[in-house]
């Protein structure tokens, strides 16, 4: 009896001590905030930039995630990972992030579903068609793997599923999860940024016109102020002189964060080159999309043969000084986009068939740089190669490359539709991967250094600068990457990167936006896109071979262990309390 009272007293003391410890831990936790990530790749650990974005929120960011309903396990994983990521952001936001998961296909009324789908498409989300196996065979389902972020009356769409050509569904989902922190953080940044950065599309040298860049301008306008300007040899068209009151002097600052020069066809004057050069020297970023070769599909409308010839827009010396050379050649790639070709007639109607057009290479990421990491293939048209030049203080990073089945053709050269009627000889496509887009980062030297007289270089009115501080630019040897297709009859334009022949969306739009985001990014947020997660997939061969064994291990073994523990615990208590 005495021993039972002692045991009872000891158990009460242990319980009381446990309760006190729990209360103390919760009390301390109300003052000290910490989260623990036990995954090896720290997949749930936010970067410092993401934490700062979340903690600086002054109002509620409301997120509608359209990943609810009955769909395959992979999409359920994407849904769960999205919820986990939003919870991480919410933990650092002082309660300023709220979300809900919505099933856009929940209604049984087809008309209501169609209206919801149209609104989601209008809001900027894109659907995914899936064939799902069920009891009746296969059913086609439309899934909207995206989210709408809202803040103070402003909305930003985010596509959560990142499609990539040639990737398995597991790899695609993993890439989407890798990019999720960046997508969420970037959406929040675009919502709360007080002053939008300014972007300028340069014109006046035969660049892509307003309709040809309508999709690009619309896409950029969600996050930036977008202008179209002609330099017209005006010294301060890209920069401006600002008075520094304390010094009673002037300093030069840029008017635009980034300028885009997309497919010029006419030579730049030396004055315009000087203005762009000084814009770079004072910190302006340039996105060059230059065609060193003139070739056009329009010439093949009325004839089966056309010529590709070198095109000089008077930028070679400037780009060479900055660190790249655009070669007057063309990339032919077996991995290419198709075009329709008339192969016969059925009655009075022409019969067409799609054939891969080697001059339209599908460019893929050259590395895992944040600009191109997890990027879908980019469709090029008459693309040239780029060589990098040794320049001190300039770091070069290849961004886009052709496939290993590449052939480089020097110009001038014939382009004939007759090539489509001949089976390609793969032994001729052995030039390997060729780089078509390059990022340059560092201190750039002015192309006009030692080329202008002292009177100009020392003029207070001109404020010539011979070398930049740290700066960056991107050079692409294809201007058509920025061009959306335009229906000439209706003047309707298609989304940038959309191929009307295959109804496939290529990565041109994401590439253009990523480049501008990177050039404008002073917070380092783009670095989050380099985050890598390890895919831990089961070996299907071993699983099939040892299926019964693993079923036993996963079902019988856990139950057996619980039973053994219960029996042992029962006899231990019986032995202790029957004395």
Protein backbone atom coordinates (compact mmCIF):
# COMPACT_ATOMS: atom_id res chain seq x y z
CA UNK A 1 0.00 0.00 0.00
CA UNK A 2 2.84 2.35 0.89
CA UNK A 3 4.62 1.50 -2.38
CA UNK A 4 1.45 2.28 -4.37
CA UNK A 5 1.18 5.70 -2.70
CA UNK A 6 4.84 6.38 -3.50
CA UNK A 7 4.27 5.42 -7.16
CA UNK A 8 1.15 7.55 -7.32
CA UNK A 9 2.99 10.54 -5.86
CA UNK A 10 5.88 10.05 -8.30
CA UNK A 11 3.50 9.87 -11.30
CA UNK A 12 1.71 13.07 -10.20
CA UNK A 13 5.05 14.83 -9.76
CA UNK A 14 6.15 13.72 -13.26
CA UNK A 15 2.85 14.90 -14.78
CA UNK A 16 3.08 18.27 -13.01
CA UNK A 17 6.69 18.72 -14.12
CA UNK A 18 5.70 17.89 -17.72
CA UNK A 19 2.87 20.44 -17.67
CA UNK A 20 5.17 23.14 -16.26
CA UNK A 21 7.82 22.42 -18.93
CA UNK A 22 5.23 22.63 -21.73
CA UNK A 23 3.91 25.96 -20.35
CA UNK A 24 7.47 27.35 -20.12
CA UNK A 25 8.30 26.26 -23.68
CA UNK A 26 5.14 27.94 -25.02
CA UNK A 27 5.86 31.09 -23.00
CA UNK A 28 9.42 31.30 -24.33
CA UNK A 29 8.14 30.50 -27.83
CA UNK A 30 5.85 33.54 -27.72
CA UNK A 31 8.99 35.73 -27.62
CA UNK A 32 11.46 33.65 -29.64
CA UNK A 33 10.47 32.56 -33.19
CA UNK A 34 12.27 29.71 -34.92
CA UNK A 35 11.42 27.11 -37.56
CA UNK A 36 13.33 23.90 -38.16
CA UNK A 37 13.83 22.31 -41.58
CA UNK A 38 14.99 18.70 -41.30
CA UNK A 39 15.17 18.01 -45.07
CA UNK A 40 18.68 17.47 -46.46
CA UNK A 41 18.30 20.13 -49.21
CA UNK A 42 16.48 22.58 -46.89
CA UNK A 43 13.50 22.69 -49.23
CA UNK A 44 11.32 24.50 -46.69
CA UNK A 45 13.93 27.09 -45.69
CA UNK A 46 13.22 30.47 -47.24
CA UNK A 47 16.01 32.73 -48.43
CA UNK A 48 16.70 35.94 -46.50
CA UNK A 49 15.24 37.97 -49.38
CA UNK A 50 11.99 35.99 -49.26
CA UNK A 51 11.74 36.38 -45.49
CA UNK A 52 12.31 40.12 -45.78
CA UNK A 53 9.62 40.44 -48.47
CA UNK A 54 7.10 38.60 -46.30
CA UNK A 55 7.95 40.52 -43.12
CA UNK A 56 7.64 43.90 -44.90
CA UNK A 57 4.01 43.35 -45.92
CA UNK A 58 1.77 46.14 -44.65
CA UNK A 59 -1.54 44.59 -45.69
CA UNK A 60 -3.09 41.22 -46.56
CA UNK A 61 -1.88 39.33 -49.63
CA UNK A 62 -4.72 36.97 -50.56
CA UNK A 63 -3.86 33.95 -52.69
CA UNK A 64 -6.38 31.87 -54.63
CA UNK A 65 -4.80 28.54 -55.60
CA UNK A 66 -6.68 26.54 -58.25
CA UNK A 67 -5.25 23.16 -57.26
CA UNK A 68 -8.16 21.41 -55.59
CA UNK A 69 -10.21 18.47 -56.78
CA UNK A 70 -9.67 14.94 -58.02
CA UNK A 71 -6.46 14.61 -59.99
CA UNK A 72 -3.35 12.37 -60.19
CA UNK A 73 -0.89 11.95 -57.32
CA UNK A 74 1.70 14.23 -58.94
CA UNK A 75 -0.67 17.20 -58.88
CA UNK A 76 -1.64 16.38 -55.32
CA UNK A 77 2.04 16.61 -54.46
CA UNK A 78 2.25 19.98 -56.22
CA UNK A 79 -0.82 21.11 -54.24
CA UNK A 80 0.71 19.98 -50.92
CA UNK A 81 4.06 21.61 -51.70
CA UNK A 82 2.26 24.84 -52.62
CA UNK A 83 0.43 24.80 -49.30
CA UNK A 84 3.70 24.16 -47.42
CA UNK A 85 5.42 27.05 -49.22
CA UNK A 86 2.56 29.46 -48.54
CA UNK A 87 2.63 28.41 -44.87
CA UNK A 88 6.35 29.24 -44.76
CA UNK A 89 5.73 32.71 -46.18
CA UNK A 90 2.77 33.22 -43.86
CA UNK A 91 4.93 32.34 -40.84
CA UNK A 92 7.19 35.34 -41.58
CA UNK A 93 4.43 37.73 -42.71
CA UNK A 94 2.93 38.60 -39.30
CA UNK A 95 -0.35 37.11 -40.50
CA UNK A 96 -0.43 39.15 -43.72
CA UNK A 97 -0.66 36.19 -46.09
CA UNK A 98 -3.93 34.30 -46.44
CA UNK A 99 -4.86 31.68 -48.99
CA UNK A 100 -7.56 29.30 -50.13
CA UNK A 101 -7.54 26.31 -52.47
CA UNK A 102 -10.31 26.30 -55.07
CA UNK A 103 -11.63 23.61 -57.41
CA UNK A 104 -12.55 25.49 -60.62
CA UNK A 105 -14.28 22.36 -61.97
CA UNK A 106 -16.47 21.85 -58.93
CA UNK A 107 -19.73 22.93 -60.58
CA UNK A 108 -21.76 20.24 -62.36
CA UNK A 109 -23.13 22.89 -64.74
CA UNK A 110 -20.97 22.91 -67.86
CA UNK A 111 -21.84 26.54 -68.70
CA UNK A 112 -20.72 27.72 -65.25
CA UNK A 113 -17.45 25.78 -65.60
CA UNK A 114 -16.84 27.33 -69.02
CA UNK A 115 -17.38 30.83 -67.62
CA UNK A 116 -14.93 30.14 -64.79
CA UNK A 117 -12.38 28.77 -67.27
CA UNK A 118 -12.71 31.84 -69.49
CA UNK A 119 -12.19 34.15 -66.51
CA UNK A 120 -9.11 32.24 -65.34
CA UNK A 121 -7.65 32.43 -68.85
CA UNK A 122 -8.41 36.16 -68.95
CA UNK A 123 -6.69 36.55 -65.58
CA UNK A 124 -3.50 35.06 -67.02
CA UNK A 125 -3.62 31.37 -66.03
CA UNK A 126 -3.16 28.54 -68.51
CA UNK A 127 -4.83 25.11 -68.29
CA UNK A 128 -3.35 21.61 -68.58
CA UNK A 129 -5.25 18.77 -70.24
CA UNK A 130 -4.87 15.37 -68.59
CA UNK A 131 -6.02 11.90 -69.51
CA UNK A 132 -6.98 10.26 -66.20
CA UNK A 133 -7.73 6.54 -65.87
CA UNK A 134 -10.98 5.69 -64.10
CA UNK A 135 -13.52 2.86 -63.92
CA UNK A 136 -14.92 3.70 -67.36
CA UNK A 137 -11.50 3.82 -69.03
CA UNK A 138 -9.91 7.24 -69.59
CA UNK A 139 -11.37 10.68 -68.91
CA UNK A 140 -10.04 14.00 -70.12
CA UNK A 141 -9.67 16.55 -67.30
CA UNK A 142 -8.81 20.22 -67.42
CA UNK A 143 -6.58 21.34 -64.54
CA UNK A 144 -5.54 24.92 -63.79
CA UNK A 145 -2.21 24.58 -61.94
CA UNK A 146 -1.90 28.23 -61.02
CA UNK A 147 -2.68 30.91 -58.46
CA UNK A 148 -3.86 34.53 -58.36
CA UNK A 149 -2.13 36.81 -55.82
CA UNK A 150 -4.12 39.89 -54.78
CA UNK A 151 -2.97 42.95 -52.82
CA UNK A 152 -4.75 46.27 -52.44
CA UNK A 153 -6.79 45.82 -55.62
CA UNK A 154 -3.91 44.56 -57.73
CA UNK A 155 -3.70 40.98 -59.08
CA UNK A 156 -0.73 38.92 -60.29
CA UNK A 157 -1.14 35.48 -61.92
CA UNK A 158 1.41 32.73 -61.18
CA UNK A 159 1.69 29.55 -63.23
CA UNK A 160 2.73 26.87 -60.74
CA UNK A 161 3.37 24.07 -63.25
CA UNK A 162 6.43 24.72 -65.41
CA UNK A 163 6.21 22.79 -68.68
CA UNK A 164 9.48 21.69 -70.25
CA UNK A 165 9.90 19.92 -73.55
CA UNK A 166 11.25 16.37 -73.30
CA UNK A 167 10.93 16.18 -69.51
CA UNK A 168 9.16 13.37 -67.69
CA UNK A 169 6.16 14.33 -65.56
CA UNK A 170 8.18 13.63 -62.39
CA UNK A 171 11.00 15.93 -63.51
CA UNK A 172 8.52 18.60 -64.58
CA UNK A 173 6.78 18.55 -61.20
CA UNK A 174 10.11 18.65 -59.39
CA UNK A 175 11.21 21.66 -61.46
CA UNK A 176 7.94 23.38 -60.62
CA UNK A 177 8.48 22.78 -56.91
CA UNK A 178 12.09 24.03 -57.18
CA UNK A 179 10.85 27.30 -58.70
CA UNK A 180 7.97 27.75 -56.26
CA UNK A 181 9.72 29.96 -53.70
CA UNK A 182 10.86 32.32 -56.47
CA UNK A 183 7.40 32.42 -58.06
CA UNK A 184 5.71 33.26 -54.75
CA UNK A 185 8.37 35.81 -53.73
CA UNK A 186 8.40 37.44 -57.16
CA UNK A 187 4.60 37.74 -57.16
CA UNK A 188 4.70 39.43 -53.74
CA UNK A 189 7.49 41.76 -54.85
CA UNK A 190 5.57 42.79 -57.98
CA UNK A 191 2.49 43.47 -55.86
CA UNK A 192 4.13 45.65 -53.21
CA UNK A 193 6.81 47.47 -55.21
CA UNK A 194 6.07 51.22 -54.73
CA UNK A 195 7.53 52.46 -58.03
CA UNK A 196 7.60 50.27 -61.10
CA UNK A 197 10.95 50.08 -62.93
CA UNK A 198 10.93 51.63 -66.40
CA UNK A 199 11.59 49.65 -69.58
CA UNK A 200 12.10 51.11 -73.06
CA UNK A 201 11.70 49.35 -76.41
CA UNK A 202 14.07 51.13 -78.79
CA UNK A 203 12.83 52.02 -82.27
CA UNK A 204 14.10 54.01 -85.22
CA UNK A 205 16.43 51.38 -86.71
CA UNK A 206 13.88 49.00 -88.21
CA UNK A 207 13.24 47.17 -84.93
CA UNK A 208 10.15 45.01 -84.35
CA UNK A 209 7.09 47.24 -84.48
CA UNK A 210 4.30 47.81 -81.98
CA UNK A 211 2.12 44.90 -83.14
CA UNK A 212 5.03 42.46 -83.38
CA UNK A 213 5.97 43.19 -79.75
CA UNK A 214 2.40 43.60 -78.46
CA UNK A 215 2.52 40.38 -76.43
CA UNK A 216 5.90 41.28 -74.94
CA UNK A 217 4.78 44.81 -74.04
CA UNK A 218 1.54 43.55 -72.47
CA UNK A 219 3.40 40.95 -70.42
CA UNK A 220 6.03 43.44 -69.20
CA UNK A 221 3.39 46.09 -68.43
CA UNK A 222 2.10 43.94 -65.55
CA UNK A 223 5.35 44.59 -63.69
CA UNK A 224 7.05 47.56 -65.39
CA UNK A 225 6.35 50.90 -67.01
CA UNK A 226 6.92 50.21 -70.72
CA UNK A 227 7.75 52.94 -73.27
CA UNK A 228 8.70 52.92 -76.93
CA UNK A 229 11.30 55.55 -77.78
CA UNK A 230 13.45 56.61 -80.70
CA UNK A 231 16.91 57.86 -79.74
CA UNK A 232 17.12 60.22 -82.73
CA UNK A 233 20.69 61.22 -81.80
CA UNK A 234 19.39 63.12 -78.76
CA UNK A 235 22.20 63.08 -76.18
CA UNK A 236 19.97 62.70 -73.13
CA UNK A 237 17.24 60.50 -74.56
CA UNK A 238 18.28 57.57 -72.32
CA UNK A 239 19.93 59.49 -69.49
CA UNK A 240 19.37 62.82 -67.75
CA UNK A 241 21.41 65.39 -65.85
CA UNK A 242 20.34 65.89 -62.25
CA UNK A 243 21.58 68.74 -60.06
CA UNK A 244 23.18 67.77 -56.77
CA UNK A 245 22.14 70.69 -54.53
CA UNK A 246 24.77 70.17 -51.86
CA UNK A 247 27.55 70.26 -54.44
CA UNK A 248 25.89 72.67 -56.87
CA UNK A 249 26.90 70.32 -59.64
CA UNK A 250 25.29 67.89 -62.04
CA UNK A 251 25.31 64.13 -62.11
CA UNK A 252 24.05 61.80 -64.83
CA UNK A 253 21.44 59.13 -64.12
CA UNK A 254 19.57 56.74 -66.38
CA UNK A 255 15.93 57.31 -67.34
CA UNK A 256 15.27 53.60 -67.88
CA UNK A 257 16.29 50.54 -65.91
CA UNK A 258 16.48 48.38 -69.07
CA UNK A 259 16.30 49.08 -72.79
CA UNK A 260 15.40 46.36 -75.29
CA UNK A 261 16.82 46.47 -78.81
CA UNK A 262 14.80 43.87 -80.72
CA UNK A 263 15.78 42.91 -84.27
CA UNK A 264 17.08 46.15 -85.83
CA UNK A 265 17.42 45.99 -89.61
CA UNK A 266 18.96 49.42 -90.29
CA UNK A 267 22.44 50.63 -89.26
CA UNK A 268 22.87 52.62 -86.03
CA UNK A 269 24.49 56.02 -86.40
CA UNK A 270 27.65 56.69 -84.41
CA UNK A 271 25.75 59.24 -82.31
CA UNK A 272 23.06 56.70 -81.37
CA UNK A 273 25.78 54.17 -80.52
CA UNK A 274 27.48 56.77 -78.33
CA UNK A 275 24.22 57.48 -76.48
CA UNK A 276 23.63 53.75 -75.83
CA UNK A 277 27.26 53.32 -74.80
CA UNK A 278 27.07 56.12 -72.23
CA UNK A 279 23.76 54.73 -70.99
CA UNK A 280 25.64 51.49 -70.26
CA UNK A 281 28.55 53.35 -68.65
CA UNK A 282 26.14 55.07 -66.24
CA UNK A 283 24.51 51.81 -65.16
CA UNK A 284 21.79 51.19 -67.76
CA UNK A 285 21.08 47.58 -68.73
CA UNK A 286 20.68 46.53 -72.37
CA UNK A 287 18.87 43.49 -73.74
CA UNK A 288 20.25 43.02 -77.26
CA UNK A 289 18.33 40.80 -79.72
CA UNK A 290 20.28 41.15 -82.95
CA UNK A 291 20.10 39.28 -86.28
CA UNK A 292 23.58 39.24 -87.85
CA UNK A 293 22.05 37.45 -90.86
CA UNK A 294 19.04 38.53 -92.91
CA UNK A 295 16.71 35.65 -93.73
CA UNK A 296 12.94 35.72 -93.95
CA UNK A 297 10.13 33.20 -94.37
CA UNK A 298 8.22 35.86 -96.30
CA UNK A 299 10.63 35.35 -99.19
CA UNK A 300 9.59 31.69 -99.34
CA UNK A 301 5.90 32.51 -99.79
CA UNK A 302 6.25 32.90 -103.55
CA UNK A 303 9.40 30.87 -104.20
CA UNK A 304 10.94 27.67 -102.91
CA UNK A 305 14.39 29.25 -102.57
CA UNK A 306 15.75 32.39 -100.92
CA UNK A 307 19.17 33.62 -99.83
CA UNK A 308 20.46 34.27 -96.32
CA UNK A 309 22.96 37.13 -96.37
CA UNK A 310 25.00 38.95 -93.69
CA UNK A 311 23.28 41.98 -92.17
CA UNK A 312 25.35 44.85 -90.81
CA UNK A 313 23.57 47.17 -88.36
CA UNK A 314 26.85 48.81 -87.28
CA UNK A 315 26.96 47.28 -83.79
CA UNK A 316 29.78 44.75 -84.24
CA UNK A 317 32.55 46.93 -82.78
CA UNK A 318 30.41 47.94 -79.79
CA UNK A 319 29.40 44.38 -78.88
CA UNK A 320 32.98 43.20 -79.50
CA UNK A 321 34.25 45.77 -76.99
CA UNK A 322 31.69 44.57 -74.44
CA UNK A 323 32.78 40.95 -74.90
CA UNK A 324 30.86 39.12 -77.66
CA UNK A 325 30.96 38.56 -81.40
CA UNK A 326 27.84 37.72 -83.40
CA UNK A 327 28.78 35.40 -86.25
CA UNK A 328 27.29 35.71 -89.72
CA UNK A 329 26.16 32.10 -89.86
CA UNK A 330 22.97 30.11 -89.27
CA UNK A 331 22.21 27.25 -86.92
CA UNK A 332 20.51 24.21 -88.45
CA UNK A 333 19.22 21.86 -85.77
CA UNK A 334 17.43 18.53 -86.05
CA UNK A 335 15.65 19.49 -82.82
CA UNK A 336 13.50 22.18 -84.41
CA UNK A 337 9.97 23.54 -84.71
CA UNK A 338 7.84 22.29 -87.61
CA UNK A 339 6.21 24.24 -90.43
CA UNK A 340 3.34 23.14 -92.70
CA UNK A 341 4.18 22.09 -96.25
CA UNK A 342 1.74 21.29 -99.07
CA UNK A 343 2.28 17.61 -99.96
CA UNK A 344 -0.63 17.12 -102.36
CA UNK A 345 -4.29 17.84 -102.95
CA UNK A 346 -7.51 16.22 -101.83
CA UNK A 347 -10.08 17.32 -104.39
CA UNK A 348 -9.71 21.07 -104.66
CA UNK A 349 -8.14 21.44 -101.19
CA UNK A 350 -4.37 21.42 -100.62
CA UNK A 351 -3.11 18.72 -98.25
CA UNK A 352 -0.52 19.94 -95.76
CA UNK A 353 1.82 18.12 -93.42
CA UNK A 354 4.14 19.33 -90.67
CA UNK A 355 7.89 18.90 -91.16
CA UNK A 356 10.70 20.01 -88.82
CA UNK A 357 12.30 23.18 -90.22
CA UNK A 358 15.98 23.05 -89.26
CA UNK A 359 16.29 26.85 -89.40
CA UNK A 360 13.85 27.13 -86.45
CA UNK A 361 15.93 25.52 -83.66
CA UNK A 362 14.42 24.83 -80.24
CA UNK A 363 16.96 26.36 -77.90
CA UNK A 364 17.38 24.91 -74.41
CA UNK A 365 19.08 26.11 -71.24
CA UNK A 366 22.86 26.10 -71.43
CA UNK A 367 23.21 25.78 -67.63
CA UNK A 368 21.27 26.28 -64.41
CA UNK A 369 21.56 30.07 -64.28
CA UNK A 370 18.44 31.66 -62.72
CA UNK A 371 17.40 33.19 -66.06
CA UNK A 372 17.04 29.81 -67.77
CA UNK A 373 16.73 27.33 -64.91
CA UNK A 374 13.64 25.11 -65.45
CA UNK A 375 12.86 27.02 -68.67
CA UNK A 376 10.89 25.40 -71.48
CA UNK A 377 12.49 25.25 -74.94
CA UNK A 378 12.72 28.64 -76.68
CA UNK A 379 11.74 28.79 -80.34
CA UNK A 380 14.23 30.59 -82.54
CA UNK A 381 14.00 31.63 -86.19
CA UNK A 382 17.16 31.86 -88.31
CA UNK A 383 19.45 31.89 -85.29
CA UNK A 384 23.19 32.65 -85.42
CA UNK A 385 26.03 31.61 -83.13
CA UNK A 386 27.82 33.79 -80.58
CA UNK A 387 31.49 33.78 -79.60
CA UNK A 388 32.74 35.39 -76.38
CA UNK A 389 35.79 37.65 -76.39
CA UNK A 390 38.40 37.79 -73.65
CA UNK A 391 37.76 40.97 -71.71
CA UNK A 392 39.15 41.79 -68.26
CA UNK A 393 36.54 42.19 -65.53
CA UNK A 394 33.75 40.70 -67.70
CA UNK A 395 32.16 37.37 -66.77
CA UNK A 396 30.33 35.54 -69.58
CA UNK A 397 27.54 33.00 -69.06
CA UNK A 398 25.90 31.08 -71.88
CA UNK A 399 22.12 31.06 -71.55
CA UNK A 400 20.62 29.29 -74.58
CA UNK A 401 22.12 26.60 -76.79
CA UNK A 402 21.16 24.38 -79.70
CA UNK A 403 21.07 20.58 -79.42
CA UNK A 404 24.07 18.33 -80.09
CA UNK A 405 22.55 17.57 -83.51
CA UNK A 406 23.54 20.94 -84.93
CA UNK A 407 25.02 22.03 -88.22
CA UNK A 408 26.40 25.55 -88.73
CA UNK A 409 26.03 27.06 -92.19
CA UNK A 410 28.16 30.04 -93.21
CA UNK A 411 26.50 32.87 -95.13
CA UNK A 412 25.61 33.75 -97.77
CA UNK A 413 23.73 30.48 -98.20
CA UNK A 414 20.66 29.14 -100.01
CA UNK A 415 17.52 28.35 -98.02
CA UNK A 416 15.24 25.95 -99.83
CA UNK A 417 11.96 24.33 -98.88
CA UNK A 418 13.20 21.36 -100.88
CA UNK A 419 15.25 20.40 -97.82
CA UNK A 420 12.00 19.24 -96.21
CA UNK A 421 11.49 16.55 -98.84
CA UNK A 422 14.81 14.86 -98.07
CA UNK A 423 15.49 12.74 -95.01
CA UNK A 424 18.22 14.56 -93.01
CA UNK A 425 21.65 12.94 -92.94
CA UNK A 426 22.43 12.95 -89.22
CA UNK A 427 26.14 12.53 -89.94
CA UNK A 428 26.15 16.15 -91.20
CA UNK A 429 24.72 17.51 -87.96
CA UNK A 430 27.80 17.02 -85.82
CA UNK A 431 28.84 20.54 -84.81
CA UNK A 432 27.47 20.01 -81.28
CA UNK A 433 25.83 22.54 -78.97
CA UNK A 434 26.12 26.13 -80.14
CA UNK A 435 25.48 29.09 -77.84
CA UNK A 436 22.94 31.64 -79.09
CA UNK A 437 22.44 33.83 -76.00
CA UNK A 438 25.01 35.16 -73.51
CA UNK A 439 24.88 37.09 -70.23
CA UNK A 440 27.71 39.59 -69.68
CA UNK A 441 28.46 40.89 -66.18
CA UNK A 442 31.22 43.16 -64.93
CA UNK A 443 32.81 46.53 -65.64
CA UNK A 444 32.36 47.47 -69.29
CA UNK A 445 34.80 49.65 -71.19
CA UNK A 446 33.39 52.31 -73.49
CA UNK A 447 33.71 51.55 -77.20
CA UNK A 448 34.52 55.26 -77.64
CA UNK A 449 37.43 55.26 -75.21
CA UNK A 450 40.49 56.73 -77.00
CA UNK A 451 38.32 57.33 -80.08
CA UNK A 452 36.99 60.81 -79.31
CA UNK A 453 38.99 64.01 -79.02
CA UNK A 454 39.82 65.52 -75.59
CA UNK A 455 37.42 68.40 -76.13
CA UNK A 456 34.46 65.98 -76.18
CA UNK A 457 35.76 63.59 -73.51
CA UNK A 458 36.28 66.43 -71.00
CA UNK A 459 33.13 68.41 -71.82
CA UNK A 460 30.91 69.10 -68.79
CA UNK A 461 27.91 69.10 -71.10
CA UNK A 462 28.58 65.57 -72.43
CA UNK A 463 29.93 64.02 -69.19
CA UNK A 464 31.77 61.25 -71.02
CA UNK A 465 32.49 58.16 -68.92
CA UNK A 466 35.13 55.66 -70.07
CA UNK A 467 34.24 52.69 -67.85
CA UNK A 468 31.12 51.53 -66.06
CA UNK A 469 30.70 50.32 -62.52
CA UNK A 470 29.47 46.75 -62.18
CA UNK A 471 26.76 46.26 -64.80
CA UNK A 472 25.11 43.50 -66.84
CA UNK A 473 23.58 42.92 -70.25
CA UNK A 474 22.21 40.03 -72.31
CA UNK A 475 22.98 39.44 -75.99
CA UNK A 476 20.89 37.10 -78.19
CA UNK A 477 21.74 36.26 -81.80
CA UNK A 478 18.10 36.16 -82.87
CA UNK A 479 15.60 39.01 -82.84
CA UNK A 480 12.58 36.82 -83.56
CA UNK A 481 12.66 35.39 -80.02
CA UNK A 482 10.88 38.61 -78.95
CA UNK A 483 8.39 38.56 -81.85
CA UNK A 484 4.80 37.35 -81.53
CA UNK A 485 2.92 36.02 -84.55
CA UNK A 486 0.45 38.47 -86.10
CA UNK A 487 -2.50 37.52 -88.29
CA UNK A 488 -2.08 40.00 -91.15
CA UNK A 489 -5.77 39.84 -92.15
CA UNK A 490 -7.20 40.52 -88.70
CA UNK A 491 -4.19 42.24 -87.01
CA UNK A 492 -4.73 39.82 -84.14
CA UNK A 493 -1.57 38.84 -82.32
CA UNK A 494 -0.80 35.59 -80.52
CA UNK A 495 0.93 35.11 -77.19
CA UNK A 496 4.70 35.32 -77.41
CA UNK A 497 6.11 31.80 -77.86
CA UNK A 498 2.83 30.26 -79.04
CA UNK A 499 3.23 28.08 -82.12
CA UNK A 500 0.02 28.19 -84.16
CA UNK A 501 0.93 25.06 -86.14
CA UNK A 502 1.37 22.73 -83.17
CA UNK A 503 -0.66 24.70 -80.57
CA UNK A 504 2.36 24.43 -78.31
CA UNK A 505 3.55 27.16 -75.95
CA UNK A 506 7.33 27.56 -76.05
CA UNK A 507 9.39 29.37 -73.43
CA UNK A 508 9.98 32.65 -75.31
CA UNK A 509 7.70 34.64 -73.00
CA UNK A 510 9.29 33.26 -69.83
CA UNK A 511 12.79 33.83 -71.22
CA UNK A 512 12.11 37.47 -72.08
CA UNK A 513 10.51 38.15 -68.70
CA UNK A 514 13.28 36.32 -66.81
CA UNK A 515 15.98 38.35 -68.56
CA UNK A 516 14.28 41.66 -67.74
CA UNK A 517 13.64 40.51 -64.16
CA UNK A 518 17.30 39.57 -63.75
CA UNK A 519 18.60 42.81 -65.24
CA UNK A 520 16.29 44.84 -62.97
CA UNK A 521 16.85 42.70 -59.87
CA UNK A 522 19.01 44.45 -57.27
CA UNK A 523 17.75 42.28 -54.39
CA UNK A 524 19.26 38.97 -55.49
CA UNK A 525 15.83 37.36 -55.56
CA UNK A 526 16.53 35.70 -58.93
CA UNK A 527 19.15 33.56 -57.20
CA UNK A 528 16.31 31.64 -55.53
CA UNK A 529 15.54 30.09 -58.93
CA UNK A 530 18.79 28.09 -58.69
CA UNK A 531 17.43 26.08 -55.78
CA UNK A 532 17.75 22.35 -56.49
CA UNK A 533 15.72 19.54 -54.95
CA UNK A 534 16.65 15.87 -55.06
CA UNK A 535 14.08 13.60 -56.69
CA UNK A 536 13.79 10.42 -54.63
CA UNK A 537 11.93 8.12 -56.98
CA UNK A 538 11.40 4.41 -56.40
CA UNK A 539 13.23 2.01 -58.70
CA UNK A 540 10.30 0.61 -60.70
CA UNK A 541 12.24 -2.49 -61.78
CA UNK A 542 13.07 -3.51 -58.20
CA UNK A 543 9.56 -2.56 -57.09
CA UNK A 544 7.99 -4.84 -59.69
CA UNK A 545 10.36 -7.71 -58.90
CA UNK A 546 9.98 -7.55 -55.11
CA UNK A 547 6.40 -6.25 -55.00
CA UNK A 548 5.12 -8.84 -52.49
CA UNK A 549 8.10 -8.35 -50.16
CA UNK A 550 7.61 -4.59 -50.00
CA UNK A 551 3.87 -5.00 -49.47
CA UNK A 552 4.61 -7.22 -46.44
CA UNK A 553 7.21 -4.76 -45.11
CA UNK A 554 4.88 -1.77 -45.49
CA UNK A 555 1.72 -3.39 -44.09
CA UNK A 556 2.45 -6.39 -41.86
CA UNK A 557 5.73 -5.19 -40.29
CA UNK A 558 4.36 -1.94 -38.76
CA UNK A 559 1.34 -3.77 -37.31
CA UNK A 560 3.61 -6.53 -35.96
CA UNK A 561 5.92 -4.04 -34.27
CA UNK A 562 2.96 -2.31 -32.61
CA UNK A 563 1.63 -5.67 -31.35
CA UNK A 564 5.04 -6.69 -29.96
CA UNK A 565 5.39 -3.31 -28.21
CA UNK A 566 1.86 -3.63 -26.76
CA UNK A 567 2.43 -7.15 -25.45
CA UNK A 568 5.80 -6.22 -23.94
CA UNK A 569 4.29 -3.12 -22.32
CA UNK A 570 1.41 -5.20 -20.92
CA UNK A 571 3.68 -7.76 -19.25
CA UNK A 572 5.99 -5.02 -17.96
CA UNK A 573 3.07 -3.26 -16.22
CA UNK A 574 1.69 -6.59 -14.93
CA UNK A 575 5.07 -7.46 -13.44
CA UNK A 576 5.44 -4.00 -11.85
CA UNK A 577 1.99 -3.70 -10.25
CA UNK A 578 1.41 -7.32 -9.06
CA UNK A 579 4.14 -7.21 -6.48
